[in-house]
Amino acid sequence: MKYKGTLLVVKDCGRALKFYHDMFGLQLLQDNDGNMELTDGVYLQEAEYWEKFLEKSITPRSNSTELYFEEADIEAFVEKLQKLYPETEFVNRLMTHSWGQRVVRFYDPDGNLIEVGTPV
């Protein structure tokens, strides 16, 4: 068995692809009509399909999981995020943990929680 990645439920794969490309440099590997495979083991699936398969609705901003990225120049990352996506909802602005790592947490356009931190 091999772990392949994490699937994110999104309203619009095209919009989500643009966000993840703009902010994290992820590239499209495969597009299966509402189901996309991106680099780094990230998969996108449109909510319409997800809810149909599960027969349940999704809960944006559930805060039960997060995607974690590391970025050495975190100030530049935050500046780019605010410039390209000014409507971003932050969970916490840039802060420093007691162990010295600087982090920012926010929701992607579909309510998936993301943390970006400096390398530890």
N, C-alpha and C. Protein backbone atom coordinates (compact mmCIF):
# COMPACT_ATOMS: atom_id res chain seq x y z
N MET A 1 0.84 -1.17 0.00
CA MET A 1 0.00 0.00 0.00
C MET A 1 0.88 1.24 0.00
N LYS A 2 0.38 2.28 -0.66
CA LYS A 2 1.13 3.53 -0.75
C LYS A 2 0.19 4.70 -0.53
N TYR A 3 0.56 5.58 0.37
CA TYR A 3 -0.20 6.81 0.58
C TYR A 3 0.05 7.73 -0.60
N LYS A 4 -1.02 8.24 -1.20
CA LYS A 4 -0.90 9.07 -2.40
C LYS A 4 -1.04 10.56 -2.13
N GLY A 5 -1.83 10.95 -1.14
CA GLY A 5 -1.99 12.37 -0.91
C GLY A 5 -3.25 12.72 -0.16
N THR A 6 -3.59 13.98 -0.22
CA THR A 6 -4.74 14.53 0.50
C THR A 6 -5.72 15.13 -0.50
N LEU A 7 -7.00 14.79 -0.33
CA LEU A 7 -8.04 15.30 -1.21
C LEU A 7 -8.76 16.45 -0.53
N LEU A 8 -8.88 17.55 -1.24
CA LEU A 8 -9.59 18.73 -0.75
C LEU A 8 -10.89 18.89 -1.52
N VAL A 9 -11.97 19.10 -0.81
CA VAL A 9 -13.26 19.36 -1.44
C VAL A 9 -13.36 20.85 -1.71
N VAL A 10 -13.68 21.20 -2.96
CA VAL A 10 -13.74 22.60 -3.38
C VAL A 10 -15.00 22.85 -4.19
N LYS A 11 -15.42 24.08 -4.27
CA LYS A 11 -16.60 24.42 -5.06
C LYS A 11 -16.29 24.41 -6.55
N ASP A 12 -15.09 24.86 -6.91
CA ASP A 12 -14.72 24.99 -8.32
C ASP A 12 -13.24 24.62 -8.46
N CYS A 13 -12.98 23.51 -9.13
CA CYS A 13 -11.59 23.03 -9.27
C CYS A 13 -10.71 24.05 -9.98
N GLY A 14 -11.23 24.73 -10.98
CA GLY A 14 -10.43 25.72 -11.70
C GLY A 14 -9.97 26.85 -10.80
N ARG A 15 -10.88 27.35 -9.99
CA ARG A 15 -10.55 28.43 -9.05
C ARG A 15 -9.54 27.95 -8.01
N ALA A 16 -9.76 26.73 -7.48
CA ALA A 16 -8.85 26.17 -6.48
C ALA A 16 -7.47 25.91 -7.08
N LEU A 17 -7.43 25.41 -8.31
CA LEU A 17 -6.15 25.18 -8.97
C LEU A 17 -5.37 26.49 -9.09
N LYS A 18 -6.05 27.56 -9.48
CA LYS A 18 -5.38 28.86 -9.61
C LYS A 18 -4.81 29.29 -8.26
N PHE A 19 -5.58 29.15 -7.18
CA PHE A 19 -5.12 29.53 -5.85
C PHE A 19 -3.88 28.73 -5.45
N TYR A 20 -3.93 27.41 -5.58
CA TYR A 20 -2.81 26.57 -5.15
C TYR A 20 -1.59 26.73 -6.06
N HIS A 21 -1.82 27.11 -7.30
CA HIS A 21 -0.69 27.40 -8.19
C HIS A 21 -0.07 28.76 -7.81
N ASP A 22 -0.94 29.77 -7.68
CA ASP A 22 -0.46 31.12 -7.34
C ASP A 22 0.32 31.14 -6.03
N MET A 23 -0.21 30.46 -5.02
CA MET A 23 0.36 30.59 -3.67
C MET A 23 1.43 29.55 -3.34
N PHE A 24 1.34 28.36 -3.94
CA PHE A 24 2.25 27.28 -3.55
C PHE A 24 3.00 26.67 -4.72
N GLY A 25 2.71 27.14 -5.93
CA GLY A 25 3.41 26.63 -7.11
C GLY A 25 3.00 25.24 -7.53
N LEU A 26 1.87 24.74 -7.01
CA LEU A 26 1.42 23.39 -7.39
C LEU A 26 0.97 23.39 -8.84
N GLN A 27 1.25 22.29 -9.51
CA GLN A 27 0.94 22.15 -10.94
C GLN A 27 -0.11 21.06 -11.14
N LEU A 28 -0.90 21.22 -12.17
CA LEU A 28 -1.90 20.22 -12.54
C LEU A 28 -1.21 19.03 -13.20
N LEU A 29 -1.48 17.84 -12.69
CA LEU A 29 -0.96 16.61 -13.31
C LEU A 29 -2.03 15.92 -14.13
N GLN A 30 -3.26 15.95 -13.63
CA GLN A 30 -4.35 15.25 -14.31
C GLN A 30 -5.67 15.92 -13.98
N ASP A 31 -6.54 16.04 -14.98
CA ASP A 31 -7.85 16.64 -14.80
C ASP A 31 -8.90 15.64 -15.29
N ASN A 32 -9.72 15.17 -14.36
CA ASN A 32 -10.77 14.21 -14.68
C ASN A 32 -12.15 14.81 -14.42
N ASP A 33 -12.43 15.94 -15.03
CA ASP A 33 -13.76 16.54 -14.98
C ASP A 33 -14.28 16.68 -13.55
N GLY A 34 -13.73 17.63 -12.81
CA GLY A 34 -14.17 17.86 -11.44
C GLY A 34 -13.34 17.12 -10.41
N ASN A 35 -12.31 16.43 -10.87
CA ASN A 35 -11.37 15.73 -10.00
C ASN A 35 -9.98 15.99 -10.54
N MET A 36 -9.15 16.67 -9.78
CA MET A 36 -7.82 17.04 -10.26
C MET A 36 -6.74 16.47 -9.36
N GLU A 37 -5.65 16.06 -9.98
CA GLU A 37 -4.45 15.66 -9.26
C GLU A 37 -3.41 16.74 -9.48
N LEU A 38 -2.87 17.26 -8.37
CA LEU A 38 -1.83 18.28 -8.44
C LEU A 38 -0.51 17.68 -7.95
N THR A 39 0.56 18.41 -8.16
CA THR A 39 1.85 17.98 -7.65
C THR A 39 1.81 17.98 -6.12
N ASP A 40 2.77 17.34 -5.52
CA ASP A 40 2.93 17.26 -4.06
C ASP A 40 1.80 16.51 -3.37
N GLY A 41 1.09 15.65 -4.10
CA GLY A 41 0.08 14.81 -3.47
C GLY A 41 -1.19 15.52 -3.05
N VAL A 42 -1.53 16.60 -3.73
CA VAL A 42 -2.77 17.31 -3.44
C VAL A 42 -3.78 16.98 -4.54
N TYR A 43 -4.98 16.62 -4.11
CA TYR A 43 -6.06 16.30 -5.03
C TYR A 43 -7.22 17.24 -4.75
N LEU A 44 -7.92 17.65 -5.80
CA LEU A 44 -9.09 18.50 -5.68
C LEU A 44 -10.29 17.75 -6.22
N GLN A 45 -11.40 17.84 -5.51
CA GLN A 45 -12.65 17.27 -6.01
C GLN A 45 -13.76 18.25 -5.74
N GLU A 46 -14.58 18.47 -6.74
CA GLU A 46 -15.67 19.43 -6.60
C GLU A 46 -16.72 18.90 -5.63
N ALA A 47 -17.24 19.81 -4.82
CA ALA A 47 -18.19 19.48 -3.76
C ALA A 47 -19.41 18.73 -4.30
N GLU A 48 -19.84 19.08 -5.48
CA GLU A 48 -21.01 18.42 -6.08
C GLU A 48 -20.81 16.91 -6.16
N TYR A 49 -19.62 16.47 -6.59
CA TYR A 49 -19.33 15.04 -6.68
C TYR A 49 -19.20 14.42 -5.29
N TRP A 50 -18.48 15.11 -4.44
CA TRP A 50 -18.21 14.61 -3.09
C TRP A 50 -19.52 14.35 -2.33
N GLU A 51 -20.40 15.34 -2.36
CA GLU A 51 -21.67 15.21 -1.65
C GLU A 51 -22.54 14.12 -2.25
N LYS A 52 -22.46 13.94 -3.56
CA LYS A 52 -23.21 12.88 -4.22
C LYS A 52 -22.69 11.50 -3.79
N PHE A 53 -21.39 11.33 -3.76
CA PHE A 53 -20.80 10.04 -3.37
C PHE A 53 -21.12 9.70 -1.92
N LEU A 54 -20.96 10.68 -1.03
CA LEU A 54 -21.14 10.44 0.40
C LEU A 54 -22.58 10.55 0.88
N GLU A 55 -23.40 11.23 0.08
CA GLU A 55 -24.77 11.55 0.48
C GLU A 55 -24.77 12.34 1.79
N LYS A 56 -23.77 13.21 1.92
CA LYS A 56 -23.64 14.10 3.07
C LYS A 56 -23.09 15.43 2.58
N SER A 57 -23.38 16.49 3.32
CA SER A 57 -22.85 17.80 2.93
C SER A 57 -21.49 18.02 3.59
N ILE A 58 -20.73 18.92 3.01
CA ILE A 58 -19.42 19.24 3.56
C ILE A 58 -19.57 20.37 4.58
N THR A 59 -18.56 20.53 5.43
CA THR A 59 -18.56 21.58 6.44
C THR A 59 -17.30 22.41 6.27
N PRO A 60 -17.38 23.51 5.51
CA PRO A 60 -16.21 24.39 5.39
C PRO A 60 -15.81 24.95 6.75
N ARG A 61 -14.54 25.25 6.91
CA ARG A 61 -14.00 25.82 8.15
C ARG A 61 -14.27 24.92 9.35
N SER A 62 -14.17 23.61 9.13
CA SER A 62 -14.42 22.66 10.22
C SER A 62 -13.26 22.61 11.21
N ASN A 63 -12.09 23.08 10.81
CA ASN A 63 -10.91 23.14 11.67
C ASN A 63 -10.46 21.79 12.19
N SER A 64 -10.79 20.71 11.50
CA SER A 64 -10.40 19.38 11.96
C SER A 64 -9.12 18.89 11.30
N THR A 65 -8.71 19.52 10.22
CA THR A 65 -7.46 19.19 9.54
C THR A 65 -6.88 20.47 8.96
N GLU A 66 -5.60 20.40 8.61
CA GLU A 66 -4.99 21.54 7.92
C GLU A 66 -3.91 21.04 6.98
N LEU A 67 -3.67 21.80 5.94
CA LEU A 67 -2.52 21.57 5.08
C LEU A 67 -1.38 22.38 5.66
N TYR A 68 -0.18 21.80 5.68
CA TYR A 68 0.97 22.47 6.28
C TYR A 68 2.06 22.63 5.23
N PHE A 69 2.53 23.85 5.07
CA PHE A 69 3.61 24.17 4.15
C PHE A 69 4.70 24.91 4.93
N GLU A 70 5.93 24.84 4.42
CA GLU A 70 7.01 25.62 5.01
C GLU A 70 7.56 26.59 3.98
N GLU A 71 7.90 27.78 4.45
CA GLU A 71 8.42 28.85 3.59
C GLU A 71 9.41 29.68 4.40
N ALA A 72 10.63 29.76 3.91
CA ALA A 72 11.67 30.51 4.62
C ALA A 72 11.36 32.01 4.66
N ASP A 73 10.90 32.56 3.52
CA ASP A 73 10.59 33.99 3.46
C ASP A 73 9.09 34.19 3.70
N ILE A 74 8.69 33.97 4.93
CA ILE A 74 7.27 33.98 5.25
C ILE A 74 6.65 35.37 5.13
N GLU A 75 7.43 36.42 5.37
CA GLU A 75 6.89 37.77 5.22
C GLU A 75 6.49 38.03 3.76
N ALA A 76 7.33 37.61 2.83
CA ALA A 76 7.01 37.78 1.41
C ALA A 76 5.79 36.94 1.02
N PHE A 77 5.68 35.75 1.61
CA PHE A 77 4.52 34.90 1.33
C PHE A 77 3.24 35.59 1.77
N VAL A 78 3.22 36.10 3.00
CA VAL A 78 2.03 36.77 3.53
C VAL A 78 1.69 37.99 2.69
N GLU A 79 2.69 38.75 2.29
CA GLU A 79 2.47 39.92 1.44
C GLU A 79 1.83 39.51 0.11
N LYS A 80 2.35 38.44 -0.49
CA LYS A 80 1.79 37.94 -1.76
C LYS A 80 0.35 37.46 -1.58
N LEU A 81 0.08 36.75 -0.50
CA LEU A 81 -1.28 36.27 -0.21
C LEU A 81 -2.24 37.44 -0.09
N GLN A 82 -1.86 38.47 0.65
CA GLN A 82 -2.73 39.63 0.84
C GLN A 82 -2.92 40.42 -0.45
N LYS A 83 -1.90 40.43 -1.30
CA LYS A 83 -2.01 41.14 -2.58
C LYS A 83 -2.90 40.39 -3.56
N LEU A 84 -2.66 39.08 -3.72
CA LEU A 84 -3.41 38.30 -4.70
C LEU A 84 -4.80 37.89 -4.23
N TYR A 85 -4.95 37.69 -2.92
CA TYR A 85 -6.22 37.21 -2.35
C TYR A 85 -6.57 38.05 -1.12
N PRO A 86 -6.92 39.33 -1.34
CA PRO A 86 -7.19 40.23 -0.21
C PRO A 86 -8.38 39.81 0.65
N GLU A 87 -9.25 38.95 0.10
CA GLU A 87 -10.42 38.50 0.84
C GLU A 87 -10.11 37.33 1.78
N THR A 88 -8.86 36.92 1.85
CA THR A 88 -8.45 35.79 2.68
C THR A 88 -8.88 35.98 4.13
N GLU A 89 -9.46 34.92 4.69
CA GLU A 89 -9.85 34.93 6.10
C GLU A 89 -8.72 34.28 6.92
N PHE A 90 -8.11 35.05 7.79
CA PHE A 90 -7.01 34.56 8.62
C PHE A 90 -7.54 33.95 9.91
N VAL A 91 -6.94 32.85 10.31
CA VAL A 91 -7.20 32.27 11.62
C VAL A 91 -6.28 32.96 12.62
N ASN A 92 -5.03 33.10 12.25
CA ASN A 92 -4.10 33.95 13.00
C ASN A 92 -3.15 34.59 12.01
N ARG A 93 -2.86 35.84 12.27
CA ARG A 93 -1.87 36.57 11.48
C ARG A 93 -0.50 36.03 11.82
N LEU A 94 0.50 36.50 11.13
CA LEU A 94 1.86 36.04 11.36
C LEU A 94 2.23 36.17 12.84
N MET A 95 2.64 35.05 13.42
CA MET A 95 2.98 34.99 14.84
C MET A 95 4.22 34.14 15.04
N THR A 96 4.80 34.20 16.21
CA THR A 96 5.98 33.40 16.53
C THR A 96 5.66 32.48 17.70
N HIS A 97 5.87 31.17 17.50
CA HIS A 97 5.68 30.19 18.57
C HIS A 97 6.83 30.30 19.57
N SER A 98 6.66 29.72 20.74
CA SER A 98 7.68 29.76 21.80
C SER A 98 8.99 29.12 21.36
N TRP A 99 8.95 28.20 20.39
CA TRP A 99 10.17 27.54 19.90
C TRP A 99 10.82 28.29 18.74
N GLY A 100 10.28 29.47 18.40
CA GLY A 100 10.91 30.34 17.42
C GLY A 100 10.35 30.25 16.01
N GLN A 101 9.49 29.29 15.74
CA GLN A 101 8.93 29.17 14.39
C GLN A 101 7.86 30.23 14.17
N ARG A 102 7.93 30.88 13.01
CA ARG A 102 6.92 31.88 12.64
C ARG A 102 5.88 31.20 11.76
N VAL A 103 4.60 31.43 12.02
CA VAL A 103 3.52 30.78 11.29
C VAL A 103 2.37 31.75 11.02
N VAL A 104 1.61 31.41 10.00
CA VAL A 104 0.36 32.09 9.70
C VAL A 104 -0.65 30.99 9.34
N ARG A 105 -1.88 31.18 9.76
CA ARG A 105 -2.95 30.22 9.43
C ARG A 105 -4.10 30.98 8.80
N PHE A 106 -4.70 30.36 7.77
CA PHE A 106 -5.78 31.00 7.04
C PHE A 106 -6.58 29.93 6.31
N TYR A 107 -7.73 30.33 5.79
CA TYR A 107 -8.56 29.42 5.00
C TYR A 107 -8.34 29.68 3.51
N ASP A 108 -8.33 28.60 2.74
CA ASP A 108 -8.32 28.77 1.28
C ASP A 108 -9.71 29.26 0.87
N PRO A 109 -9.94 29.58 -0.41
CA PRO A 109 -11.24 30.10 -0.81
C PRO A 109 -12.43 29.18 -0.53
N ASP A 110 -12.16 27.89 -0.23
CA ASP A 110 -13.23 26.94 0.05
C ASP A 110 -13.34 26.57 1.52
N GLY A 111 -12.59 27.23 2.38
CA GLY A 111 -12.69 26.97 3.81
C GLY A 111 -11.80 25.86 4.32
N ASN A 112 -10.82 25.43 3.50
CA ASN A 112 -9.84 24.45 3.97
C ASN A 112 -8.73 25.18 4.72
N LEU A 113 -8.39 24.70 5.91
CA LEU A 113 -7.42 25.36 6.77
C LEU A 113 -5.99 25.09 6.28
N ILE A 114 -5.20 26.15 6.21
CA ILE A 114 -3.80 26.06 5.76
C ILE A 114 -2.91 26.74 6.81
N GLU A 115 -1.77 26.11 7.07
CA GLU A 115 -0.75 26.72 7.91
C GLU A 115 0.53 26.80 7.08
N VAL A 116 1.17 27.96 7.14
CA VAL A 116 2.49 28.13 6.52
C VAL A 116 3.42 28.58 7.63
N GLY A 117 4.53 27.86 7.75
CA GLY A 117 5.49 28.18 8.79
C GLY A 117 6.90 28.21 8.24
N THR A 118 7.77 28.86 8.99
CA THR A 118 9.19 28.83 8.61
C THR A 118 9.73 27.44 8.94
N PRO A 119 10.76 27.00 8.21
CA PRO A 119 11.34 25.69 8.50
C PRO A 119 11.83 25.61 9.95
N VAL A 120 11.63 24.43 10.55
CA VAL A 120 12.08 24.23 11.94
C VAL A 120 13.36 23.43 11.97
